């Protein structure tokens, strides 16, 4: 039996982008959930074709990675219907469980703006991001999102793929006493890339 998928939410895009950039493609290390709530979230991502089991671990699918890199749109690479049976037990409707999942999702974007990048202004906003990363103290995802109005997943994609492709080297440092990371450039100007390295993008 199959069920129609629903569109990917901004929170799901943020989660899979974080998994790709910060967790080697693994989802579970980023889920601050336990028991049924964790299984429900995994099932939701699997049903949308965003993750799959590999070697006993839930990893991003090639379709999810293509979406993160901006190489494809969700409607172009994700199946319109998916099997409802994934490697998780069926879960009964549970108000407390739903509340736990909603609270965890909300925490991923706490204090983040909802506005998406606007076409025509992306170049100037990218320049602003670079200037913030040039500062000795760098900047956090929250700080850059507040300054640009971008969604976290869009910014992480820029930090992981967009700027490195332009030759910028970015250092991510975990902040003491916090789960946040601070990002900064290792050099103020882009570095010429090795053609062999570019060929692997």
N, C-alpha and C. Protein backbone atom coordinates (compact mmCIF):
# COMPACT_ATOMS: atom_id res chain seq x y z
N UNK A 1 0.85 -1.19 0.00
CA UNK A 1 0.00 0.00 0.00
C UNK A 1 0.88 1.23 0.00
N UNK A 2 0.47 2.28 -0.71
CA UNK A 2 1.27 3.48 -0.79
C UNK A 2 0.45 4.68 -0.38
N UNK A 3 1.13 5.77 -0.06
CA UNK A 3 0.45 6.99 0.36
C UNK A 3 1.10 8.18 -0.31
N UNK A 4 0.29 9.20 -0.62
CA UNK A 4 0.81 10.39 -1.27
C UNK A 4 1.71 11.16 -0.32
N UNK A 5 2.86 11.59 -0.81
CA UNK A 5 3.76 12.36 0.02
C UNK A 5 3.28 13.80 0.13
N UNK A 6 3.71 14.48 1.17
CA UNK A 6 3.42 15.90 1.33
C UNK A 6 4.70 16.68 1.03
N UNK A 7 4.61 17.96 0.69
CA UNK A 7 5.81 18.74 0.35
C UNK A 7 6.82 18.74 1.50
N UNK A 8 8.08 18.90 1.16
CA UNK A 8 9.12 18.98 2.18
C UNK A 8 9.00 20.31 2.89
N UNK A 9 9.06 20.29 4.19
CA UNK A 9 8.98 21.53 4.96
C UNK A 9 10.35 22.18 5.07
N UNK A 10 10.37 23.45 5.44
CA UNK A 10 11.63 24.15 5.64
C UNK A 10 12.44 23.49 6.75
N UNK A 11 11.76 23.00 7.77
CA UNK A 11 12.46 22.35 8.88
C UNK A 11 13.12 21.06 8.42
N UNK A 12 12.43 20.31 7.55
CA UNK A 12 13.04 19.08 7.03
C UNK A 12 14.24 19.39 6.15
N UNK A 13 14.13 20.44 5.34
CA UNK A 13 15.26 20.86 4.51
C UNK A 13 16.44 21.26 5.38
N UNK A 14 16.15 21.96 6.47
CA UNK A 14 17.22 22.36 7.38
C UNK A 14 17.88 21.14 8.00
N UNK A 15 17.08 20.15 8.39
CA UNK A 15 17.61 18.95 9.03
C UNK A 15 18.50 18.16 8.08
N UNK A 16 18.05 17.93 6.84
CA UNK A 16 18.86 17.14 5.93
C UNK A 16 20.12 17.90 5.51
N UNK A 17 20.03 19.24 5.45
CA UNK A 17 21.22 20.02 5.12
C UNK A 17 22.24 19.94 6.25
N UNK A 18 21.76 20.00 7.49
CA UNK A 18 22.66 19.85 8.64
C UNK A 18 23.31 18.47 8.63
N UNK A 19 22.53 17.45 8.29
CA UNK A 19 23.07 16.09 8.25
C UNK A 19 24.17 15.99 7.20
N UNK A 20 23.96 16.62 6.06
CA UNK A 20 24.94 16.56 4.97
C UNK A 20 26.21 17.33 5.33
N UNK A 21 26.04 18.51 5.93
CA UNK A 21 27.19 19.38 6.19
C UNK A 21 27.92 19.04 7.49
N UNK A 22 27.19 18.59 8.50
CA UNK A 22 27.78 18.45 9.83
C UNK A 22 27.85 17.03 10.36
N UNK A 23 27.14 16.08 9.74
CA UNK A 23 27.07 14.74 10.33
C UNK A 23 27.38 13.63 9.33
N UNK A 24 28.07 13.96 8.24
CA UNK A 24 28.46 12.94 7.29
C UNK A 24 27.30 12.22 6.63
N UNK A 25 26.15 12.90 6.54
CA UNK A 25 24.99 12.30 5.90
C UNK A 25 24.12 11.48 6.82
N UNK A 26 24.48 11.39 8.09
CA UNK A 26 23.69 10.61 9.06
C UNK A 26 22.63 11.50 9.71
N UNK A 27 21.44 10.95 9.88
CA UNK A 27 20.34 11.71 10.45
C UNK A 27 20.25 11.56 11.97
N UNK A 28 20.40 10.35 12.46
CA UNK A 28 20.11 10.08 13.87
C UNK A 28 20.93 10.90 14.86
N UNK A 29 22.22 11.22 14.59
CA UNK A 29 22.95 12.04 15.57
C UNK A 29 22.33 13.42 15.79
N UNK A 30 21.49 13.88 14.85
CA UNK A 30 20.90 15.21 14.97
C UNK A 30 19.52 15.19 15.61
N UNK A 31 18.97 14.01 15.86
CA UNK A 31 17.62 13.92 16.40
C UNK A 31 17.66 13.88 17.92
N UNK A 32 17.18 14.94 18.55
CA UNK A 32 17.11 14.98 20.01
C UNK A 32 15.78 14.40 20.46
N UNK A 33 15.50 13.20 20.01
CA UNK A 33 14.24 12.53 20.31
C UNK A 33 14.53 11.12 20.81
N UNK A 34 13.58 10.55 21.52
CA UNK A 34 13.73 9.20 22.02
C UNK A 34 12.48 8.39 21.70
N UNK A 35 12.66 7.07 21.65
CA UNK A 35 11.53 6.16 21.51
C UNK A 35 10.67 6.43 20.30
N UNK A 36 9.35 6.46 20.54
CA UNK A 36 8.40 6.60 19.45
C UNK A 36 8.53 7.89 18.67
N UNK A 37 8.89 8.98 19.35
CA UNK A 37 9.03 10.27 18.67
C UNK A 37 10.15 10.21 17.63
N UNK A 38 11.25 9.56 18.00
CA UNK A 38 12.38 9.43 17.07
C UNK A 38 11.99 8.56 15.88
N UNK A 39 11.30 7.46 16.15
CA UNK A 39 10.87 6.57 15.07
C UNK A 39 9.91 7.28 14.12
N UNK A 40 9.04 8.10 14.68
CA UNK A 40 8.07 8.81 13.86
C UNK A 40 8.77 9.79 12.92
N UNK A 41 9.78 10.49 13.43
CA UNK A 41 10.50 11.44 12.59
C UNK A 41 11.27 10.71 11.49
N UNK A 42 11.92 9.60 11.84
CA UNK A 42 12.66 8.83 10.85
C UNK A 42 11.71 8.31 9.77
N UNK A 43 10.54 7.80 10.19
CA UNK A 43 9.57 7.29 9.24
C UNK A 43 9.10 8.39 8.29
N UNK A 44 8.90 9.59 8.82
CA UNK A 44 8.45 10.71 8.00
C UNK A 44 9.47 11.05 6.92
N UNK A 45 10.75 11.08 7.29
CA UNK A 45 11.80 11.40 6.32
C UNK A 45 11.97 10.27 5.30
N UNK A 46 11.86 9.03 5.76
CA UNK A 46 12.01 7.88 4.86
C UNK A 46 10.87 7.82 3.85
N UNK A 47 9.66 8.13 4.29
CA UNK A 47 8.51 8.08 3.40
C UNK A 47 8.60 9.14 2.31
N UNK A 48 9.35 10.19 2.56
CA UNK A 48 9.53 11.23 1.55
C UNK A 48 10.73 10.96 0.65
N UNK A 49 11.41 9.83 0.88
CA UNK A 49 12.54 9.49 0.04
C UNK A 49 13.79 10.28 0.35
N UNK A 50 13.86 10.86 1.56
CA UNK A 50 15.00 11.70 1.93
C UNK A 50 16.11 10.91 2.61
N UNK A 51 15.76 9.80 3.26
CA UNK A 51 16.76 8.96 3.92
C UNK A 51 16.49 7.50 3.61
N UNK A 52 17.52 6.68 3.77
CA UNK A 52 17.39 5.25 3.57
C UNK A 52 18.39 4.55 4.47
N UNK A 53 18.13 3.29 4.76
CA UNK A 53 19.04 2.54 5.62
C UNK A 53 20.21 2.00 4.81
N UNK A 54 21.41 2.26 5.32
CA UNK A 54 22.64 1.76 4.73
C UNK A 54 23.53 1.27 5.86
N UNK A 55 23.84 -0.01 5.86
CA UNK A 55 24.69 -0.56 6.91
C UNK A 55 24.11 -0.40 8.29
N UNK A 56 22.79 -0.45 8.40
CA UNK A 56 22.15 -0.33 9.70
C UNK A 56 21.99 1.09 10.20
N UNK A 57 22.32 2.08 9.37
CA UNK A 57 22.19 3.48 9.76
C UNK A 57 21.33 4.22 8.74
N UNK A 58 20.63 5.24 9.20
CA UNK A 58 19.81 6.05 8.31
C UNK A 58 20.66 7.16 7.70
N UNK A 59 20.81 7.11 6.37
CA UNK A 59 21.62 8.08 5.65
C UNK A 59 20.79 8.82 4.61
N UNK A 60 21.28 9.98 4.21
CA UNK A 60 20.61 10.75 3.16
C UNK A 60 20.65 9.99 1.84
N UNK A 61 19.58 10.10 1.08
CA UNK A 61 19.54 9.50 -0.24
C UNK A 61 20.22 10.43 -1.25
N UNK A 62 20.51 9.90 -2.42
CA UNK A 62 21.11 10.73 -3.47
C UNK A 62 20.17 11.86 -3.87
N UNK A 63 18.87 11.60 -3.80
CA UNK A 63 17.89 12.64 -4.12
C UNK A 63 17.97 13.78 -3.11
N UNK A 64 18.10 13.44 -1.83
CA UNK A 64 18.20 14.47 -0.79
C UNK A 64 19.44 15.32 -1.00
N UNK A 65 20.56 14.69 -1.34
CA UNK A 65 21.81 15.42 -1.55
C UNK A 65 21.70 16.34 -2.76
N UNK A 66 21.02 15.88 -3.81
CA UNK A 66 20.83 16.72 -5.00
C UNK A 66 20.00 17.95 -4.66
N UNK A 67 19.01 17.78 -3.79
CA UNK A 67 18.18 18.91 -3.37
C UNK A 67 19.01 19.90 -2.56
N UNK A 68 19.83 19.39 -1.65
CA UNK A 68 20.67 20.24 -0.81
C UNK A 68 21.64 21.06 -1.65
N UNK A 69 22.22 20.44 -2.66
CA UNK A 69 23.20 21.12 -3.51
C UNK A 69 22.56 22.06 -4.52
N UNK A 70 21.23 22.04 -4.58
CA UNK A 70 20.54 22.90 -5.54
C UNK A 70 20.56 22.35 -6.95
N UNK A 71 20.89 21.07 -7.09
CA UNK A 71 20.96 20.45 -8.41
C UNK A 71 19.60 19.93 -8.88
N UNK A 72 18.63 19.88 -7.98
CA UNK A 72 17.31 19.36 -8.34
C UNK A 72 16.27 19.93 -7.40
N UNK A 73 15.04 19.97 -7.87
CA UNK A 73 13.91 20.39 -7.05
C UNK A 73 13.25 19.15 -6.46
N UNK A 74 12.68 19.25 -5.26
CA UNK A 74 12.07 18.08 -4.62
C UNK A 74 11.07 17.36 -5.51
N UNK A 75 10.23 18.13 -6.22
CA UNK A 75 9.21 17.49 -7.04
C UNK A 75 9.79 16.74 -8.24
N UNK A 76 11.06 17.03 -8.58
CA UNK A 76 11.68 16.39 -9.73
C UNK A 76 12.36 15.07 -9.38
N UNK A 77 12.78 14.90 -8.13
CA UNK A 77 13.57 13.72 -7.78
C UNK A 77 12.93 12.82 -6.74
N UNK A 78 11.93 13.32 -6.03
CA UNK A 78 11.28 12.49 -5.02
C UNK A 78 10.05 11.82 -5.61
N UNK A 79 9.79 10.58 -5.22
CA UNK A 79 8.62 9.87 -5.76
C UNK A 79 7.32 10.49 -5.28
N UNK A 80 6.29 10.53 -6.14
CA UNK A 80 5.00 11.09 -5.73
C UNK A 80 4.30 10.23 -4.69
N UNK A 81 4.60 8.93 -4.70
CA UNK A 81 4.04 8.04 -3.69
C UNK A 81 5.15 7.15 -3.18
N UNK A 82 5.03 6.72 -1.94
CA UNK A 82 6.03 5.85 -1.34
C UNK A 82 5.34 4.78 -0.53
N UNK A 83 6.03 3.67 -0.33
CA UNK A 83 5.48 2.61 0.51
C UNK A 83 5.40 3.08 1.94
N UNK A 84 4.33 2.74 2.60
CA UNK A 84 4.17 3.17 3.99
C UNK A 84 4.98 2.31 4.93
N UNK A 85 5.45 1.15 4.47
CA UNK A 85 6.20 0.27 5.35
C UNK A 85 7.67 0.62 5.29
N UNK A 86 8.22 1.14 6.39
CA UNK A 86 9.64 1.37 6.52
C UNK A 86 10.10 0.56 7.72
N UNK A 87 11.40 0.53 7.96
CA UNK A 87 11.93 -0.32 9.02
C UNK A 87 11.68 0.28 10.39
N UNK A 88 10.44 0.65 10.66
CA UNK A 88 10.05 1.15 11.97
C UNK A 88 8.67 0.59 12.27
N UNK A 89 8.36 0.33 13.53
CA UNK A 89 7.05 -0.22 13.87
C UNK A 89 5.96 0.81 13.68
N UNK A 90 4.71 0.37 13.39
CA UNK A 90 3.60 1.32 13.25
C UNK A 90 3.36 2.04 14.56
N UNK A 91 3.02 3.32 14.45
CA UNK A 91 2.82 4.13 15.64
C UNK A 91 1.39 4.61 15.72
N UNK A 92 0.79 4.45 16.87
CA UNK A 92 -0.58 4.91 17.07
C UNK A 92 -0.57 6.41 17.29
N UNK A 93 -1.70 7.05 17.01
CA UNK A 93 -1.82 8.48 17.23
C UNK A 93 -1.66 8.77 18.72
N UNK A 94 -0.78 9.69 19.04
CA UNK A 94 -0.47 10.00 20.43
C UNK A 94 -0.23 11.49 20.55
N UNK A 95 -1.13 12.24 21.21
CA UNK A 95 -0.96 13.69 21.33
C UNK A 95 0.37 14.09 21.95
N UNK A 96 0.82 13.36 22.97
CA UNK A 96 2.09 13.69 23.61
C UNK A 96 3.25 13.47 22.65
N UNK A 97 3.15 12.40 21.84
CA UNK A 97 4.19 12.11 20.86
C UNK A 97 4.25 13.21 19.81
N UNK A 98 3.07 13.61 19.32
CA UNK A 98 3.02 14.68 18.32
C UNK A 98 3.62 15.96 18.89
N UNK A 99 3.34 16.25 20.15
CA UNK A 99 3.86 17.46 20.77
C UNK A 99 5.38 17.40 20.90
N UNK A 100 5.91 16.21 21.21
CA UNK A 100 7.36 16.05 21.34
C UNK A 100 8.06 16.28 20.01
N UNK A 101 7.48 15.73 18.94
CA UNK A 101 8.06 15.91 17.61
C UNK A 101 8.01 17.38 17.20
N UNK A 102 6.86 18.02 17.44
CA UNK A 102 6.71 19.43 17.07
C UNK A 102 7.70 20.30 17.83
N UNK A 103 7.89 20.01 19.12
CA UNK A 103 8.82 20.79 19.93
C UNK A 103 10.25 20.62 19.44
N UNK A 104 10.61 19.38 19.07
CA UNK A 104 11.97 19.14 18.58
C UNK A 104 12.21 19.85 17.26
N UNK A 105 11.21 19.80 16.36
CA UNK A 105 11.35 20.49 15.08
C UNK A 105 11.50 21.99 15.29
N UNK A 106 10.70 22.54 16.21
CA UNK A 106 10.75 23.98 16.47
C UNK A 106 12.11 24.39 17.00
N UNK A 107 12.75 23.51 17.80
CA UNK A 107 14.04 23.85 18.39
C UNK A 107 15.13 23.98 17.33
N UNK A 108 14.96 23.30 16.17
CA UNK A 108 15.98 23.36 15.13
C UNK A 108 16.06 24.75 14.52
N UNK A 109 14.94 25.48 14.57
CA UNK A 109 14.93 26.81 13.95
C UNK A 109 14.56 27.90 14.95
N UNK A 110 14.80 27.63 16.22
CA UNK A 110 14.47 28.62 17.24
C UNK A 110 15.22 29.92 16.98
N UNK A 111 14.48 31.01 17.06
CA UNK A 111 15.04 32.34 16.85
C UNK A 111 15.54 32.56 15.43
N UNK A 112 15.07 31.75 14.46
CA UNK A 112 15.48 31.95 13.08
C UNK A 112 14.36 32.65 12.32
N UNK A 113 14.67 33.55 11.37
CA UNK A 113 13.64 34.21 10.57
C UNK A 113 13.02 33.24 9.59
N UNK A 114 11.79 33.53 9.16
CA UNK A 114 11.08 32.66 8.23
C UNK A 114 11.24 33.07 6.78
N UNK A 115 11.80 34.24 6.54
CA UNK A 115 11.88 34.73 5.16
C UNK A 115 12.88 33.92 4.36
N UNK A 116 12.55 33.63 3.10
CA UNK A 116 13.45 32.91 2.20
C UNK A 116 14.26 33.91 1.40
N UNK A 117 15.40 33.50 0.83
CA UNK A 117 16.19 34.41 0.01
C UNK A 117 15.37 34.95 -1.16
N UNK A 118 15.53 36.23 -1.45
CA UNK A 118 14.81 36.85 -2.55
C UNK A 118 15.71 36.94 -3.77
N UNK A 119 15.15 36.54 -4.92
CA UNK A 119 15.91 36.61 -6.16
C UNK A 119 16.26 38.06 -6.46
N UNK A 120 17.44 38.27 -7.04
CA UNK A 120 17.87 39.61 -7.38
C UNK A 120 18.68 40.26 -6.29
N UNK A 121 18.60 39.72 -5.08
CA UNK A 121 19.36 40.29 -3.97
C UNK A 121 20.35 39.28 -3.41
N UNK A 122 20.41 38.09 -4.01
CA UNK A 122 21.26 37.04 -3.47
C UNK A 122 22.74 37.42 -3.52
N UNK A 123 23.14 38.12 -4.60
CA UNK A 123 24.56 38.47 -4.72
C UNK A 123 24.99 39.39 -3.59
N UNK A 124 24.18 40.43 -3.31
CA UNK A 124 24.54 41.36 -2.25
C UNK A 124 24.50 40.68 -0.89
N UNK A 125 23.56 39.75 -0.71
CA UNK A 125 23.49 39.03 0.56
C UNK A 125 24.66 38.08 0.72
N UNK A 126 25.09 37.48 -0.38
CA UNK A 126 26.26 36.60 -0.31
C UNK A 126 27.49 37.42 0.09
N UNK A 127 27.59 38.63 -0.45
CA UNK A 127 28.71 39.50 -0.08
C UNK A 127 28.66 39.83 1.41
N UNK A 128 27.45 40.01 1.94
CA UNK A 128 27.30 40.28 3.37
C UNK A 128 27.75 39.07 4.19
N UNK A 129 27.38 37.87 3.72
CA UNK A 129 27.80 36.65 4.41
C UNK A 129 29.32 36.57 4.46
N UNK A 130 29.96 36.84 3.33
CA UNK A 130 31.43 36.77 3.26
C UNK A 130 32.06 37.77 4.22
N UNK A 131 31.50 38.98 4.28
CA UNK A 131 32.04 39.99 5.19
C UNK A 131 31.91 39.55 6.65
N UNK A 132 30.79 38.92 6.98
CA UNK A 132 30.60 38.44 8.35
C UNK A 132 31.57 37.31 8.67
N UNK A 133 31.85 36.47 7.68
CA UNK A 133 32.78 35.36 7.90
C UNK A 133 34.23 35.84 7.98
N UNK A 134 34.51 37.03 7.44
CA UNK A 134 35.87 37.57 7.48
C UNK A 134 36.22 38.12 8.86
N UNK A 135 35.22 38.38 9.68
CA UNK A 135 35.49 38.94 11.00
C UNK A 135 36.30 37.96 11.83
N UNK A 136 37.19 38.44 12.68
CA UNK A 136 38.00 37.54 13.51
C UNK A 136 37.16 36.56 14.31
N UNK A 137 36.01 37.04 14.80
CA UNK A 137 35.13 36.17 15.59
C UNK A 137 34.19 35.35 14.73
N UNK A 138 34.17 35.61 13.40
CA UNK A 138 33.28 34.87 12.51
C UNK A 138 31.82 35.17 12.80
N UNK A 139 30.96 34.19 12.56
CA UNK A 139 29.52 34.38 12.79
C UNK A 139 28.85 33.02 12.92
N UNK A 140 27.73 33.01 13.62
CA UNK A 140 26.93 31.79 13.76
C UNK A 140 25.85 31.75 12.69
N UNK A 141 25.25 30.58 12.52
CA UNK A 141 24.14 30.44 11.58
C UNK A 141 23.03 31.43 11.94
N UNK A 142 22.71 31.52 13.24
CA UNK A 142 21.63 32.41 13.67
C UNK A 142 21.94 33.87 13.34
N UNK A 143 23.18 34.29 13.55
CA UNK A 143 23.56 35.68 13.27
C UNK A 143 23.45 36.00 11.78
N UNK A 144 23.91 35.08 10.93
CA UNK A 144 23.87 35.34 9.50
C UNK A 144 22.43 35.31 8.98
N UNK A 145 21.63 34.38 9.50
CA UNK A 145 20.23 34.31 9.08
C UNK A 145 19.49 35.59 9.46
N UNK A 146 19.80 36.11 10.64
CA UNK A 146 19.15 37.35 11.08
C UNK A 146 19.53 38.52 10.17
N UNK A 147 20.79 38.53 9.73
CA UNK A 147 21.27 39.64 8.89
C UNK A 147 20.77 39.54 7.45
N UNK A 148 20.59 38.32 6.95
CA UNK A 148 20.23 38.14 5.54
C UNK A 148 18.76 37.80 5.32
N UNK A 149 18.10 37.26 6.35
CA UNK A 149 16.72 36.80 6.17
C UNK A 149 16.64 35.44 5.50
N UNK A 150 17.78 34.77 5.35
CA UNK A 150 17.79 33.46 4.71
C UNK A 150 17.35 32.37 5.67
N UNK A 151 16.87 31.27 5.10
CA UNK A 151 16.57 30.08 5.88
C UNK A 151 17.88 29.37 6.23
N UNK A 152 17.96 28.70 7.39
CA UNK A 152 19.19 28.01 7.77
C UNK A 152 19.69 27.01 6.74
N UNK A 153 18.77 26.26 6.11
CA UNK A 153 19.23 25.24 5.15
C UNK A 153 19.86 25.90 3.92
N UNK A 154 19.36 27.07 3.52
CA UNK A 154 19.94 27.78 2.38
C UNK A 154 21.35 28.26 2.71
N UNK A 155 21.51 28.76 3.93
CA UNK A 155 22.82 29.24 4.35
C UNK A 155 23.82 28.09 4.47
N UNK A 156 23.39 26.98 5.07
CA UNK A 156 24.30 25.85 5.22
C UNK A 156 24.75 25.32 3.86
N UNK A 157 23.84 25.33 2.89
CA UNK A 157 24.20 24.89 1.54
C UNK A 157 25.27 25.81 0.95
N UNK A 158 25.13 27.11 1.20
CA UNK A 158 26.13 28.07 0.72
C UNK A 158 27.48 27.82 1.39
N UNK A 159 27.46 27.57 2.70
CA UNK A 159 28.71 27.36 3.44
C UNK A 159 29.38 26.05 3.05
N UNK A 160 28.58 25.02 2.77
CA UNK A 160 29.14 23.70 2.47
C UNK A 160 29.53 23.54 1.01
N UNK A 161 28.81 24.22 0.11
CA UNK A 161 29.03 24.00 -1.31
C UNK A 161 29.32 25.28 -2.09
N UNK A 162 28.45 26.28 -1.93
CA UNK A 162 28.58 27.48 -2.75
C UNK A 162 29.90 28.21 -2.60
N UNK A 163 30.24 28.58 -1.37
CA UNK A 163 31.48 29.33 -1.15
C UNK A 163 32.73 28.48 -1.39
N UNK A 164 32.78 27.22 -0.94
CA UNK A 164 33.96 26.40 -1.25
C UNK A 164 34.21 26.25 -2.75
N UNK A 165 33.13 26.19 -3.55
CA UNK A 165 33.31 26.09 -5.00
C UNK A 165 33.94 27.36 -5.56
N UNK A 166 33.76 28.48 -4.85
CA UNK A 166 34.35 29.74 -5.29
C UNK A 166 35.78 29.91 -4.76
N UNK A 167 36.26 28.93 -3.99
CA UNK A 167 37.62 28.98 -3.50
C UNK A 167 37.77 29.42 -2.06
N UNK A 168 36.66 29.68 -1.38
CA UNK A 168 36.74 30.09 0.02
C UNK A 168 36.88 28.86 0.91
N UNK A 169 37.72 28.97 1.92
CA UNK A 169 37.89 27.91 2.90
C UNK A 169 37.25 28.36 4.21
N UNK A 170 36.33 27.55 4.71
CA UNK A 170 35.56 27.94 5.88
C UNK A 170 35.86 27.01 7.04
N UNK A 171 36.13 27.60 8.19
CA UNK A 171 36.41 26.84 9.41
C UNK A 171 35.19 26.89 10.31
N UNK A 172 34.74 25.73 10.76
CA UNK A 172 33.60 25.65 11.69
C UNK A 172 34.12 25.23 13.05
N UNK A 173 33.85 26.05 14.05
CA UNK A 173 34.33 25.78 15.41
C UNK A 173 33.15 25.72 16.37
N UNK A 174 33.12 24.69 17.19
CA UNK A 174 32.05 24.58 18.18
C UNK A 174 32.29 25.57 19.30
N UNK A 175 31.24 26.30 19.67
CA UNK A 175 31.36 27.32 20.70
C UNK A 175 31.33 26.68 22.08
N UNK A 176 32.21 27.09 22.98
CA UNK A 176 32.25 26.52 24.34
C UNK A 176 30.91 26.68 25.05
N UNK A 177 30.45 25.60 25.66
CA UNK A 177 29.21 25.66 26.42
C UNK A 177 27.97 25.82 25.58
N UNK A 178 28.07 25.55 24.27
CA UNK A 178 26.92 25.72 23.38
C UNK A 178 26.95 24.65 22.31
N UNK A 179 25.78 24.37 21.74
CA UNK A 179 25.70 23.41 20.64
C UNK A 179 25.87 24.10 19.30
N UNK A 180 25.96 25.42 19.32
CA UNK A 180 26.13 26.17 18.08
C UNK A 180 27.57 26.11 17.60
N UNK A 181 27.73 26.35 16.31
CA UNK A 181 29.06 26.45 15.72
C UNK A 181 29.26 27.87 15.20
N UNK A 182 30.51 28.30 15.25
CA UNK A 182 30.88 29.60 14.71
C UNK A 182 31.69 29.36 13.44
N UNK A 183 31.34 30.07 12.38
CA UNK A 183 32.00 29.89 11.08
C UNK A 183 32.82 31.12 10.74
N UNK A 184 34.00 30.89 10.17
CA UNK A 184 34.82 32.01 9.71
C UNK A 184 35.72 31.55 8.57
N UNK A 185 36.17 32.52 7.78
CA UNK A 185 37.05 32.21 6.66
C UNK A 185 38.48 32.03 7.16
N UNK A 186 39.18 31.07 6.56
CA UNK A 186 40.59 30.88 6.93
C UNK A 186 41.49 31.87 6.19
N UNK A 187 40.96 32.49 5.13
CA UNK A 187 41.69 33.52 4.39
C UNK A 187 40.66 34.52 3.87
N UNK A 188 41.04 35.78 3.78
CA UNK A 188 40.09 36.82 3.40
C UNK A 188 39.71 36.77 1.92
N UNK A 189 40.55 36.14 1.10
CA UNK A 189 40.28 36.05 -0.33
C UNK A 189 40.19 34.59 -0.75
N UNK A 190 39.42 34.31 -1.82
CA UNK A 190 39.31 32.92 -2.29
C UNK A 190 40.64 32.38 -2.78
N UNK A 191 40.81 31.08 -2.64
CA UNK A 191 42.03 30.40 -3.05
C UNK A 191 41.77 29.67 -4.36
N UNK A 192 42.71 29.75 -5.28
CA UNK A 192 42.57 29.05 -6.56
C UNK A 192 42.43 27.56 -6.30
N UNK A 193 41.44 26.95 -6.93
CA UNK A 193 41.16 25.54 -6.68
C UNK A 193 41.92 24.64 -7.63
N UNK A 194 42.28 23.46 -7.12
CA UNK A 194 42.90 22.44 -7.94
C UNK A 194 41.85 21.88 -8.90
N UNK A 195 42.12 21.85 -10.22
CA UNK A 195 41.14 21.32 -11.18
C UNK A 195 40.66 19.92 -10.82
N UNK A 196 41.54 19.09 -10.24
CA UNK A 196 41.13 17.74 -9.86
C UNK A 196 40.10 17.78 -8.74
N UNK A 197 40.28 18.73 -7.81
CA UNK A 197 39.33 18.88 -6.71
C UNK A 197 37.98 19.33 -7.23
N UNK A 198 37.98 20.28 -8.17
CA UNK A 198 36.73 20.79 -8.73
C UNK A 198 35.98 19.71 -9.49
N UNK A 199 36.71 18.77 -10.08
CA UNK A 199 36.07 17.72 -10.87
C UNK A 199 35.25 16.78 -10.01
N UNK A 200 35.50 16.76 -8.69
CA UNK A 200 34.78 15.87 -7.79
C UNK A 200 33.53 16.50 -7.21
N UNK A 201 33.27 17.78 -7.51
CA UNK A 201 32.07 18.45 -6.98
C UNK A 201 30.82 17.85 -7.57
